[in-house]
Amino acid sequence: MEIKGFDHIHFFVTDINKAIEFYQGIGFELVRKFIHGGRESAQMKVGEIIVDLNLTKAADNPGYSHFSLKVDDLDEAANSLRERGWYFDGPLDVAETRRRIITLRDPNGFLVQLVGSR
């Protein structure tokens, strides 16, 4: 598995429109608004950095959710993780975000996603 770079950083927000306004105010462009997991969501972009914003549910805390890395071969990544005995979800095809992903946790419980092309 070869990491190709960051795919996105994800935040839960309490007000999607205020979050969009903030990121636009510091130079991000609104790529699109959409519904993901039944919640209002948005993708913001500046340069090669994509920030995904997702409206919180009552059970979620606003703030950092996860970061995501692009990989050259998601199936190879899954096989490599299995060989190490690591637990992960996926690979999953996520229609709303147009991504194919694996999600795992680092030793401190932080979520990390690996993203491959479909």
N, C-alpha and C. Protein backbone atom coordinates (compact mmCIF):
# COMPACT_ATOMS: atom_id res chain seq x y z
N MET A 1 0.85 -1.17 0.00
CA MET A 1 0.00 0.00 0.00
C MET A 1 0.89 1.23 0.00
N GLU A 2 0.57 2.16 -0.89
CA GLU A 2 1.29 3.43 -0.94
C GLU A 2 0.31 4.55 -0.66
N ILE A 3 0.65 5.40 0.31
CA ILE A 3 -0.18 6.57 0.60
C ILE A 3 0.15 7.65 -0.42
N LYS A 4 -0.89 8.19 -1.04
CA LYS A 4 -0.74 9.20 -2.09
C LYS A 4 -0.93 10.62 -1.57
N GLY A 5 -1.37 10.80 -0.33
CA GLY A 5 -1.60 12.12 0.24
C GLY A 5 -2.89 12.15 1.01
N PHE A 6 -3.22 13.32 1.55
CA PHE A 6 -4.47 13.48 2.27
C PHE A 6 -5.64 13.48 1.29
N ASP A 7 -6.75 12.91 1.72
CA ASP A 7 -7.99 13.00 0.96
C ASP A 7 -8.87 14.11 1.54
N HIS A 8 -9.12 14.05 2.86
CA HIS A 8 -9.93 15.08 3.50
C HIS A 8 -9.76 15.04 5.01
N ILE A 9 -10.22 16.10 5.65
CA ILE A 9 -10.33 16.19 7.10
C ILE A 9 -11.81 16.42 7.39
N HIS A 10 -12.33 15.76 8.42
CA HIS A 10 -13.77 15.79 8.67
C HIS A 10 -14.08 16.38 10.04
N PHE A 11 -15.06 17.29 10.07
CA PHE A 11 -15.52 17.90 11.31
C PHE A 11 -17.03 17.78 11.44
N PHE A 12 -17.50 17.55 12.67
CA PHE A 12 -18.91 17.67 12.99
C PHE A 12 -19.15 19.11 13.41
N VAL A 13 -20.22 19.72 12.92
CA VAL A 13 -20.51 21.12 13.21
C VAL A 13 -21.95 21.25 13.73
N THR A 14 -22.18 22.31 14.50
CA THR A 14 -23.52 22.52 15.07
C THR A 14 -24.41 23.36 14.15
N ASP A 15 -23.82 24.12 13.22
CA ASP A 15 -24.58 24.94 12.28
C ASP A 15 -23.85 24.91 10.94
N ILE A 16 -24.39 24.16 9.99
CA ILE A 16 -23.71 23.96 8.71
C ILE A 16 -23.51 25.27 7.96
N ASN A 17 -24.50 26.15 7.98
CA ASN A 17 -24.39 27.41 7.23
C ASN A 17 -23.35 28.35 7.83
N LYS A 18 -23.28 28.42 9.16
CA LYS A 18 -22.25 29.25 9.80
C LYS A 18 -20.86 28.67 9.52
N ALA A 19 -20.75 27.34 9.51
CA ALA A 19 -19.46 26.71 9.22
C ALA A 19 -19.03 27.01 7.79
N ILE A 20 -19.96 26.91 6.84
CA ILE A 20 -19.65 27.24 5.45
C ILE A 20 -19.20 28.69 5.34
N GLU A 21 -19.93 29.58 5.98
CA GLU A 21 -19.58 31.01 5.95
C GLU A 21 -18.18 31.24 6.52
N PHE A 22 -17.86 30.56 7.62
CA PHE A 22 -16.53 30.70 8.22
C PHE A 22 -15.44 30.26 7.25
N TYR A 23 -15.58 29.04 6.70
CA TYR A 23 -14.53 28.53 5.82
C TYR A 23 -14.41 29.36 4.54
N GLN A 24 -15.54 29.86 4.04
CA GLN A 24 -15.46 30.76 2.89
C GLN A 24 -14.73 32.04 3.28
N GLY A 25 -14.95 32.52 4.49
CA GLY A 25 -14.33 33.73 4.97
C GLY A 25 -12.82 33.64 5.10
N ILE A 26 -12.30 32.41 5.27
CA ILE A 26 -10.84 32.25 5.34
C ILE A 26 -10.26 31.73 4.03
N GLY A 27 -11.09 31.71 2.98
CA GLY A 27 -10.55 31.41 1.66
C GLY A 27 -10.94 30.08 1.05
N PHE A 28 -11.74 29.27 1.75
CA PHE A 28 -12.18 28.00 1.17
C PHE A 28 -13.32 28.25 0.20
N GLU A 29 -13.44 27.37 -0.78
CA GLU A 29 -14.53 27.40 -1.76
C GLU A 29 -15.52 26.30 -1.40
N LEU A 30 -16.81 26.59 -1.51
CA LEU A 30 -17.84 25.57 -1.30
C LEU A 30 -17.87 24.69 -2.55
N VAL A 31 -17.54 23.42 -2.39
CA VAL A 31 -17.57 22.47 -3.51
C VAL A 31 -18.99 21.99 -3.73
N ARG A 32 -19.67 21.59 -2.64
CA ARG A 32 -21.05 21.14 -2.75
C ARG A 32 -21.66 20.95 -1.38
N LYS A 33 -23.00 21.09 -1.32
CA LYS A 33 -23.79 20.73 -0.15
C LYS A 33 -24.57 19.47 -0.52
N PHE A 34 -24.73 18.58 0.45
CA PHE A 34 -25.43 17.33 0.18
C PHE A 34 -25.89 16.72 1.49
N ILE A 35 -26.66 15.65 1.39
CA ILE A 35 -27.10 14.90 2.57
C ILE A 35 -26.25 13.64 2.67
N HIS A 36 -25.66 13.43 3.84
CA HIS A 36 -24.82 12.25 4.08
C HIS A 36 -25.23 11.65 5.42
N GLY A 37 -25.65 10.40 5.40
CA GLY A 37 -26.11 9.76 6.64
C GLY A 37 -27.33 10.45 7.22
N GLY A 38 -28.15 11.04 6.35
CA GLY A 38 -29.35 11.71 6.80
C GLY A 38 -29.11 13.11 7.36
N ARG A 39 -27.88 13.61 7.24
CA ARG A 39 -27.54 14.92 7.79
C ARG A 39 -27.04 15.87 6.72
N GLU A 40 -27.27 17.17 6.94
CA GLU A 40 -26.72 18.17 6.04
C GLU A 40 -25.19 18.10 6.10
N SER A 41 -24.58 18.17 4.93
CA SER A 41 -23.14 18.08 4.83
C SER A 41 -22.64 19.05 3.77
N ALA A 42 -21.36 19.35 3.82
CA ALA A 42 -20.75 20.21 2.81
C ALA A 42 -19.29 19.83 2.65
N GLN A 43 -18.79 20.05 1.45
CA GLN A 43 -17.36 19.91 1.18
C GLN A 43 -16.82 21.29 0.85
N MET A 44 -15.74 21.65 1.54
CA MET A 44 -15.06 22.91 1.32
C MET A 44 -13.65 22.59 0.83
N LYS A 45 -13.08 23.47 -0.01
CA LYS A 45 -11.76 23.18 -0.57
C LYS A 45 -10.93 24.45 -0.67
N VAL A 46 -9.66 24.34 -0.32
CA VAL A 46 -8.67 25.38 -0.60
C VAL A 46 -7.41 24.65 -1.04
N GLY A 47 -6.90 24.99 -2.22
CA GLY A 47 -5.77 24.25 -2.77
C GLY A 47 -6.14 22.79 -2.89
N GLU A 48 -5.32 21.92 -2.30
CA GLU A 48 -5.60 20.48 -2.32
C GLU A 48 -6.27 19.99 -1.05
N ILE A 49 -6.56 20.91 -0.13
CA ILE A 49 -7.14 20.52 1.16
C ILE A 49 -8.66 20.53 1.05
N ILE A 50 -9.28 19.40 1.42
CA ILE A 50 -10.74 19.30 1.45
C ILE A 50 -11.16 19.12 2.91
N VAL A 51 -12.10 19.93 3.35
CA VAL A 51 -12.69 19.79 4.68
C VAL A 51 -14.13 19.38 4.48
N ASP A 52 -14.50 18.23 5.05
CA ASP A 52 -15.88 17.78 5.04
C ASP A 52 -16.53 18.26 6.33
N LEU A 53 -17.70 18.87 6.20
CA LEU A 53 -18.48 19.34 7.33
C LEU A 53 -19.76 18.53 7.40
N ASN A 54 -20.10 18.04 8.57
CA ASN A 54 -21.29 17.22 8.76
C ASN A 54 -22.04 17.73 9.99
N LEU A 55 -23.32 18.01 9.84
CA LEU A 55 -24.12 18.49 10.95
C LEU A 55 -24.16 17.44 12.06
N THR A 56 -23.99 17.86 13.32
CA THR A 56 -23.97 16.93 14.43
C THR A 56 -25.36 16.38 14.72
N LYS A 57 -25.38 15.19 15.29
CA LYS A 57 -26.57 14.63 15.90
C LYS A 57 -26.41 14.84 17.41
N ALA A 58 -27.44 14.59 18.16
CA ALA A 58 -27.37 14.79 19.60
C ALA A 58 -26.24 13.96 20.24
N ALA A 59 -25.97 12.77 19.68
CA ALA A 59 -24.95 11.90 20.27
C ALA A 59 -23.53 12.26 19.86
N ASP A 60 -23.37 13.14 18.87
CA ASP A 60 -22.05 13.52 18.39
C ASP A 60 -21.55 14.76 19.12
N ASN A 61 -20.25 14.87 19.22
CA ASN A 61 -19.65 16.09 19.73
C ASN A 61 -19.19 16.91 18.55
N PRO A 62 -19.41 18.23 18.59
CA PRO A 62 -18.85 19.05 17.51
C PRO A 62 -17.33 18.97 17.57
N GLY A 63 -16.71 19.07 16.42
CA GLY A 63 -15.25 19.07 16.37
C GLY A 63 -14.70 18.02 15.44
N TYR A 64 -13.44 17.70 15.66
CA TYR A 64 -12.71 16.76 14.82
C TYR A 64 -13.39 15.40 14.81
N SER A 65 -13.50 14.81 13.63
CA SER A 65 -14.02 13.46 13.51
C SER A 65 -12.91 12.52 13.06
N HIS A 66 -12.29 12.81 11.90
CA HIS A 66 -11.24 11.93 11.39
C HIS A 66 -10.47 12.62 10.28
N PHE A 67 -9.33 12.03 9.92
CA PHE A 67 -8.65 12.44 8.69
C PHE A 67 -8.59 11.25 7.77
N SER A 68 -8.43 11.53 6.51
CA SER A 68 -8.52 10.49 5.49
C SER A 68 -7.33 10.60 4.54
N LEU A 69 -6.74 9.46 4.22
CA LEU A 69 -5.59 9.40 3.34
C LEU A 69 -5.93 8.67 2.05
N LYS A 70 -5.43 9.18 0.93
CA LYS A 70 -5.58 8.50 -0.36
C LYS A 70 -4.55 7.38 -0.44
N VAL A 71 -4.97 6.21 -0.91
CA VAL A 71 -4.04 5.10 -1.13
C VAL A 71 -4.16 4.63 -2.57
N ASP A 72 -3.08 4.00 -3.05
CA ASP A 72 -3.05 3.58 -4.44
C ASP A 72 -3.94 2.37 -4.70
N ASP A 73 -4.10 1.48 -3.72
CA ASP A 73 -4.87 0.25 -3.92
C ASP A 73 -5.57 -0.12 -2.61
N LEU A 74 -6.86 0.14 -2.54
CA LEU A 74 -7.60 -0.08 -1.30
C LEU A 74 -7.71 -1.56 -0.94
N ASP A 75 -7.84 -2.43 -1.93
CA ASP A 75 -7.91 -3.86 -1.64
C ASP A 75 -6.59 -4.37 -1.09
N GLU A 76 -5.49 -3.89 -1.64
CA GLU A 76 -4.17 -4.25 -1.11
C GLU A 76 -4.02 -3.74 0.33
N ALA A 77 -4.51 -2.53 0.58
CA ALA A 77 -4.46 -1.97 1.94
C ALA A 77 -5.26 -2.86 2.90
N ALA A 78 -6.45 -3.29 2.49
CA ALA A 78 -7.27 -4.16 3.33
C ALA A 78 -6.55 -5.46 3.63
N ASN A 79 -5.93 -6.06 2.62
CA ASN A 79 -5.19 -7.31 2.84
C ASN A 79 -4.02 -7.11 3.79
N SER A 80 -3.31 -6.00 3.64
CA SER A 80 -2.18 -5.70 4.51
C SER A 80 -2.63 -5.53 5.97
N LEU A 81 -3.75 -4.83 6.16
CA LEU A 81 -4.27 -4.64 7.52
C LEU A 81 -4.71 -5.96 8.13
N ARG A 82 -5.36 -6.81 7.34
CA ARG A 82 -5.79 -8.14 7.83
C ARG A 82 -4.57 -8.97 8.24
N GLU A 83 -3.51 -8.93 7.44
CA GLU A 83 -2.29 -9.69 7.76
C GLU A 83 -1.68 -9.24 9.08
N ARG A 84 -1.85 -7.97 9.41
CA ARG A 84 -1.34 -7.45 10.69
C ARG A 84 -2.29 -7.75 11.85
N GLY A 85 -3.47 -8.28 11.52
CA GLY A 85 -4.46 -8.58 12.54
C GLY A 85 -5.21 -7.36 13.04
N TRP A 86 -5.21 -6.29 12.27
CA TRP A 86 -5.89 -5.06 12.67
C TRP A 86 -7.36 -5.12 12.28
N TYR A 87 -8.21 -4.57 13.16
CA TYR A 87 -9.64 -4.51 12.90
C TYR A 87 -9.95 -3.22 12.14
N PHE A 88 -10.84 -3.32 11.15
CA PHE A 88 -11.27 -2.14 10.40
C PHE A 88 -12.62 -2.42 9.78
N ASP A 89 -13.31 -1.35 9.40
CA ASP A 89 -14.57 -1.44 8.66
C ASP A 89 -14.28 -1.22 7.19
N GLY A 90 -14.87 -2.05 6.35
CA GLY A 90 -14.74 -1.84 4.92
C GLY A 90 -13.96 -2.95 4.26
N PRO A 91 -13.62 -2.75 3.02
CA PRO A 91 -13.89 -1.59 2.18
C PRO A 91 -15.38 -1.40 1.92
N LEU A 92 -15.78 -0.15 1.97
CA LEU A 92 -17.17 0.23 1.73
C LEU A 92 -17.25 1.23 0.58
N ASP A 93 -18.26 1.08 -0.26
CA ASP A 93 -18.55 2.08 -1.28
C ASP A 93 -19.59 3.02 -0.69
N VAL A 94 -19.27 4.32 -0.61
CA VAL A 94 -20.16 5.30 -0.02
C VAL A 94 -20.66 6.21 -1.14
N ALA A 95 -21.90 5.97 -1.56
CA ALA A 95 -22.46 6.69 -2.70
C ALA A 95 -22.52 8.20 -2.46
N GLU A 96 -22.91 8.61 -1.23
CA GLU A 96 -23.10 10.04 -0.97
C GLU A 96 -21.80 10.83 -1.13
N THR A 97 -20.69 10.24 -0.75
CA THR A 97 -19.41 10.96 -0.82
C THR A 97 -18.58 10.57 -2.03
N ARG A 98 -19.07 9.59 -2.78
CA ARG A 98 -18.38 9.11 -3.98
C ARG A 98 -16.98 8.58 -3.66
N ARG A 99 -16.89 7.88 -2.53
CA ARG A 99 -15.59 7.34 -2.10
C ARG A 99 -15.71 5.86 -1.78
N ARG A 100 -14.61 5.17 -1.87
CA ARG A 100 -14.48 3.79 -1.41
C ARG A 100 -13.50 3.85 -0.25
N ILE A 101 -13.92 3.37 0.94
CA ILE A 101 -13.13 3.62 2.15
C ILE A 101 -12.94 2.40 3.03
N ILE A 102 -11.90 2.49 3.85
CA ILE A 102 -11.66 1.63 5.00
C ILE A 102 -11.55 2.58 6.19
N THR A 103 -12.15 2.23 7.31
CA THR A 103 -12.04 3.05 8.52
C THR A 103 -11.44 2.20 9.64
N LEU A 104 -10.42 2.76 10.31
CA LEU A 104 -9.81 2.09 11.44
C LEU A 104 -9.47 3.12 12.51
N ARG A 105 -9.04 2.65 13.67
CA ARG A 105 -8.68 3.54 14.77
C ARG A 105 -7.20 3.38 15.10
N ASP A 106 -6.58 4.52 15.44
CA ASP A 106 -5.19 4.45 15.89
C ASP A 106 -5.18 3.98 17.34
N PRO A 107 -4.01 3.77 17.95
CA PRO A 107 -3.96 3.24 19.32
C PRO A 107 -4.66 4.11 20.36
N ASN A 108 -4.90 5.39 20.05
CA ASN A 108 -5.59 6.28 20.97
C ASN A 108 -7.08 6.39 20.69
N GLY A 109 -7.56 5.67 19.69
CA GLY A 109 -8.98 5.67 19.36
C GLY A 109 -9.38 6.67 18.30
N PHE A 110 -8.41 7.43 17.74
CA PHE A 110 -8.74 8.38 16.69
C PHE A 110 -9.04 7.66 15.39
N LEU A 111 -10.09 8.11 14.71
CA LEU A 111 -10.47 7.50 13.44
C LEU A 111 -9.54 7.94 12.32
N VAL A 112 -9.17 6.98 11.49
CA VAL A 112 -8.36 7.23 10.28
C VAL A 112 -9.06 6.49 9.15
N GLN A 113 -9.22 7.15 8.01
CA GLN A 113 -9.79 6.49 6.84
C GLN A 113 -8.72 6.37 5.76
N LEU A 114 -8.81 5.28 5.04
CA LEU A 114 -8.02 5.08 3.83
C LEU A 114 -9.01 5.11 2.67
N VAL A 115 -8.70 5.88 1.64
CA VAL A 115 -9.62 6.08 0.52
C VAL A 115 -8.97 5.64 -0.76
N GLY A 116 -9.69 4.83 -1.52
CA GLY A 116 -9.23 4.40 -2.84
C GLY A 116 -10.24 4.82 -3.89
N SER A 117 -9.81 4.76 -5.10
CA SER A 117 -10.74 5.12 -6.19
C SER A 117 -11.71 3.96 -6.40
N ARG A 118 -12.85 4.29 -6.98
CA ARG A 118 -13.87 3.27 -7.26
C ARG A 118 -13.55 2.55 -8.53
